[in-house]
Amino acid sequence: MPLTFKIDHESRFVTVNTEGLVTLDDILVYYEALVVQEAMAYPKLFDASDCDLRLNDDELMTLGAWVSAFAQHDPRGPIAILATTEDTENTMRRYMNLGGAKRAVKMFRSRTRALKWLGGEKEA
């Protein structure tokens, strides 16, 4: 699986790991799980350091529509994005500006700093 995630209800934390080519469909399956499992308010560590994330403009617009649709699930928890390549950083920066989301989101190159920013030393 190119995108795997763990929703930990006990610690109220979501960890996402990616590997290889991640598609829009992979991301939407993850979004659906957040809603169904009522985890939108949890802090999230989205590790995109091992993925090839190439979403075209149409796919980013679709993702933006989903982000907007999930606004009804506010409050949404903060998202720390781990990105280590310029291409992934560029795509994730575009994602960060989607859909008028009212939640904290920040990009990191260090997992330790990302976890510290999220407010804990939770381990995935």
C-alpha atoms as a PDB file:
ATOM      1  CA  MET A   1       0.000   0.000   0.000  1.00  0.00           C
ATOM      2  CA  PRO A   2       1.418   3.391  -0.941  1.00  0.00           C
ATOM      3  CA  LEU A   3      -0.424   5.151   1.916  1.00  0.00           C
ATOM      4  CA  THR A   4      -0.964   3.514   5.273  1.00  0.00           C
ATOM      5  CA  PHE A   5      -2.319   5.110   8.409  1.00  0.00           C
ATOM      6  CA  LYS A   6      -2.928   4.363  12.051  1.00  0.00           C
ATOM      7  CA  ILE A   7      -5.720   6.078  13.931  1.00  0.00           C
ATOM      8  CA  ASP A   8      -4.934   5.722  17.619  1.00  0.00           C
ATOM      9  CA  HIS A   9      -8.068   6.609  19.552  1.00  0.00           C
ATOM     10  CA  GLU A  10      -6.417   6.059  22.921  1.00  0.00           C
ATOM     11  CA  SER A  11      -3.736   8.701  22.325  1.00  0.00           C
ATOM     12  CA  ARG A  12      -5.966  10.691  19.935  1.00  0.00           C
ATOM     13  CA  PHE A  13      -3.275  10.761  17.252  1.00  0.00           C
ATOM     14  CA  VAL A  14      -3.050   9.817  13.564  1.00  0.00           C
ATOM     15  CA  THR A  15       0.113   8.648  11.827  1.00  0.00           C
ATOM     16  CA  VAL A  16       0.291   8.439   8.043  1.00  0.00           C
ATOM     17  CA  ASN A  17       3.149   6.771   6.179  1.00  0.00           C
ATOM     18  CA  THR A  18       3.664   6.822   2.444  1.00  0.00           C
ATOM     19  CA  GLU A  19       5.833   4.825   0.083  1.00  0.00           C
ATOM     20  CA  GLY A  20       6.078   4.957  -3.684  1.00  0.00           C
ATOM     21  CA  LEU A  21       3.461   6.534  -5.903  1.00  0.00           C
ATOM     22  CA  VAL A  22       0.564   7.982  -3.887  1.00  0.00           C
ATOM     23  CA  THR A  23      -2.593   8.763  -5.843  1.00  0.00           C
ATOM     24  CA  LEU A  24      -5.606  10.923  -5.174  1.00  0.00           C
ATOM     25  CA  ASP A  25      -7.649   7.774  -4.528  1.00  0.00           C
ATOM     26  CA  ASP A  26      -5.210   6.736  -1.773  1.00  0.00           C
ATOM     27  CA  ILE A  27      -5.640  10.106  -0.076  1.00  0.00           C
ATOM     28  CA  LEU A  28      -9.430  10.028  -0.357  1.00  0.00           C
ATOM     29  CA  VAL A  29      -9.600   6.570   1.269  1.00  0.00           C
ATOM     30  CA  TYR A  30      -7.604   8.022   4.164  1.00  0.00           C
ATOM     31  CA  TYR A  31      -9.924  11.056   4.401  1.00  0.00           C
ATOM     32  CA  GLU A  32     -12.982   8.797   4.504  1.00  0.00           C
ATOM     33  CA  ALA A  33     -11.431   6.772   7.337  1.00  0.00           C
ATOM     34  CA  LEU A  34     -10.826   9.946   9.348  1.00  0.00           C
ATOM     35  CA  VAL A  35     -14.504  10.853   9.071  1.00  0.00           C
ATOM     36  CA  VAL A  36     -15.893   7.364   9.684  1.00  0.00           C
ATOM     37  CA  GLN A  37     -13.634   6.828  12.703  1.00  0.00           C
ATOM     38  CA  GLU A  38     -14.304  10.354  14.006  1.00  0.00           C
ATOM     39  CA  ALA A  39     -10.608  11.281  14.036  1.00  0.00           C
ATOM     40  CA  MET A  40     -10.695  14.634  12.214  1.00  0.00           C
ATOM     41  CA  ALA A  41      -9.894  16.518  15.441  1.00  0.00           C
ATOM     42  CA  TYR A  42      -6.787  14.453  16.184  1.00  0.00           C
ATOM     43  CA  PRO A  43      -3.278  15.775  15.492  1.00  0.00           C
ATOM     44  CA  LYS A  44      -1.784  14.101  12.427  1.00  0.00           C
ATOM     45  CA  LEU A  45       1.759  13.291  11.361  1.00  0.00           C
ATOM     46  CA  PHE A  46       1.738  12.885   7.581  1.00  0.00           C
ATOM     47  CA  ASP A  47       5.074  11.362   6.552  1.00  0.00           C
ATOM     48  CA  ALA A  48       5.508  12.035   2.836  1.00  0.00           C
ATOM     49  CA  SER A  49       9.287  11.587   2.929  1.00  0.00           C
ATOM     50  CA  ASP A  50       9.239   8.292   1.014  1.00  0.00           C
ATOM     51  CA  CYS A  51       6.603   8.976  -1.579  1.00  0.00           C
ATOM     52  CA  ASP A  52       6.196  10.175  -5.097  1.00  0.00           C
ATOM     53  CA  LEU A  53       3.284  12.566  -4.775  1.00  0.00           C
ATOM     54  CA  ARG A  54       2.411  13.976  -8.159  1.00  0.00           C
ATOM     55  CA  LEU A  55      -1.086  15.360  -8.237  1.00  0.00           C
ATOM     56  CA  ASN A  56      -2.100  17.294 -11.318  1.00  0.00           C
ATOM     57  CA  ASP A  57      -4.130  20.512 -11.139  1.00  0.00           C
ATOM     58  CA  ASP A  58      -7.469  18.711 -11.543  1.00  0.00           C
ATOM     59  CA  GLU A  59      -6.607  16.258  -8.767  1.00  0.00           C
ATOM     60  CA  LEU A  60      -5.567  19.103  -6.472  1.00  0.00           C
ATOM     61  CA  MET A  61      -8.871  20.844  -7.187  1.00  0.00           C
ATOM     62  CA  THR A  62     -10.725  17.636  -6.308  1.00  0.00           C
ATOM     63  CA  LEU A  63      -8.702  17.376  -3.106  1.00  0.00           C
ATOM     64  CA  GLY A  64      -9.566  21.004  -2.346  1.00  0.00           C
ATOM     65  CA  ALA A  65     -13.263  20.219  -2.741  1.00  0.00           C
ATOM     66  CA  TRP A  66     -12.942  17.347  -0.266  1.00  0.00           C
ATOM     67  CA  VAL A  67     -11.066  19.571   2.200  1.00  0.00           C
ATOM     68  CA  SER A  68     -13.891  22.122   1.924  1.00  0.00           C
ATOM     69  CA  ALA A  69     -16.532  19.435   2.369  1.00  0.00           C
ATOM     70  CA  PHE A  70     -14.845  18.214   5.542  1.00  0.00           C
ATOM     71  CA  ALA A  71     -15.078  21.707   7.058  1.00  0.00           C
ATOM     72  CA  GLN A  72     -18.284  20.501   8.701  1.00  0.00           C
ATOM     73  CA  HIS A  73     -16.081  18.245  10.839  1.00  0.00           C
ATOM     74  CA  ASP A  74     -14.337  21.134  12.572  1.00  0.00           C
ATOM     75  CA  PRO A  75     -12.462  21.335  14.712  1.00  0.00           C
ATOM     76  CA  ARG A  76      -9.815  19.588  12.679  1.00  0.00           C
ATOM     77  CA  GLY A  77      -6.533  18.735  14.324  1.00  0.00           C
ATOM     78  CA  PRO A  78      -3.156  20.112  13.314  1.00  0.00           C
ATOM     79  CA  ILE A  79      -1.179  18.405  10.571  1.00  0.00           C
ATOM     80  CA  ALA A  80       2.599  18.110  10.558  1.00  0.00           C
ATOM     81  CA  ILE A  81       3.830  17.159   7.093  1.00  0.00           C
ATOM     82  CA  LEU A  82       7.192  15.474   6.703  1.00  0.00           C
ATOM     83  CA  ALA A  83       8.589  16.165   3.210  1.00  0.00           C
ATOM     84  CA  THR A  84      12.165  15.734   2.052  1.00  0.00           C
ATOM     85  CA  THR A  85      12.139  16.388  -1.680  1.00  0.00           C
ATOM     86  CA  GLU A  86      11.461  19.628  -3.510  1.00  0.00           C
ATOM     87  CA  ASP A  87       8.716  18.073  -5.661  1.00  0.00           C
ATOM     88  CA  THR A  88       6.871  16.690  -2.641  1.00  0.00           C
ATOM     89  CA  GLU A  89       7.320  19.974  -0.761  1.00  0.00           C
ATOM     90  CA  ASN A  90       5.861  21.907  -3.702  1.00  0.00           C
ATOM     91  CA  THR A  91       2.817  19.620  -3.930  1.00  0.00           C
ATOM     92  CA  MET A  92       2.289  19.716  -0.174  1.00  0.00           C
ATOM     93  CA  ARG A  93       2.524  23.527  -0.120  1.00  0.00           C
ATOM     94  CA  ARG A  94      -0.271  23.616  -2.683  1.00  0.00           C
ATOM     95  CA  TYR A  95      -2.262  21.194  -0.505  1.00  0.00           C
ATOM     96  CA  MET A  96      -1.720  23.411   2.551  1.00  0.00           C
ATOM     97  CA  ASN A  97      -3.574  26.241   0.782  1.00  0.00           C
ATOM     98  CA  LEU A  98      -6.598  24.174  -0.261  1.00  0.00           C
ATOM     99  CA  GLY A  99     -10.192  24.559   0.646  1.00  0.00           C
ATOM    100  CA  GLY A 100      -9.907  27.288   3.256  1.00  0.00           C
ATOM    101  CA  ALA A 101      -9.191  24.756   5.978  1.00  0.00           C
ATOM    102  CA  LYS A 102      -9.148  26.257   9.465  1.00  0.00           C
ATOM    103  CA  ARG A 103      -6.515  24.078  11.055  1.00  0.00           C
ATOM    104  CA  ALA A 104      -2.839  24.426  11.747  1.00  0.00           C
ATOM    105  CA  VAL A 105      -0.586  22.820   9.171  1.00  0.00           C
ATOM    106  CA  LYS A 106       3.178  23.028   8.909  1.00  0.00           C
ATOM    107  CA  MET A 107       5.879  21.296   6.882  1.00  0.00           C
ATOM    108  CA  PHE A 108       9.001  19.752   8.396  1.00  0.00           C
ATOM    109  CA  ARG A 109      12.110  17.869   7.307  1.00  0.00           C
ATOM    110  CA  SER A 110      12.627  16.423  10.801  1.00  0.00           C
ATOM    111  CA  ARG A 111      10.267  13.892  12.389  1.00  0.00           C
ATOM    112  CA  THR A 112      11.409  14.979  15.855  1.00  0.00           C
ATOM    113  CA  ARG A 113      10.560  18.623  15.178  1.00  0.00           C
ATOM    114  CA  ALA A 114       7.229  17.654  13.634  1.00  0.00           C
ATOM    115  CA  LEU A 115       6.241  15.629  16.702  1.00  0.00           C
ATOM    116  CA  LYS A 116       7.392  18.395  19.034  1.00  0.00           C
ATOM    117  CA  TRP A 117       5.270  20.925  17.104  1.00  0.00           C
ATOM    118  CA  LEU A 118       2.258  18.605  17.374  1.00  0.00           C
ATOM    119  CA  GLY A 119       2.661  18.778  21.131  1.00  0.00           C
ATOM    120  CA  GLY A 120       4.082  15.449  22.067  1.00  0.00           C
ATOM    121  CA  GLU A 121       6.673  12.814  21.530  1.00  0.00           C
ATOM    122  CA  LYS A 122       4.178  10.266  20.240  1.00  0.00           C
ATOM    123  CA  GLU A 123       5.794   7.474  18.302  1.00  0.00           C
ATOM    124  CA  ALA A 124       4.277   5.987  15.211  1.00  0.00           C
END
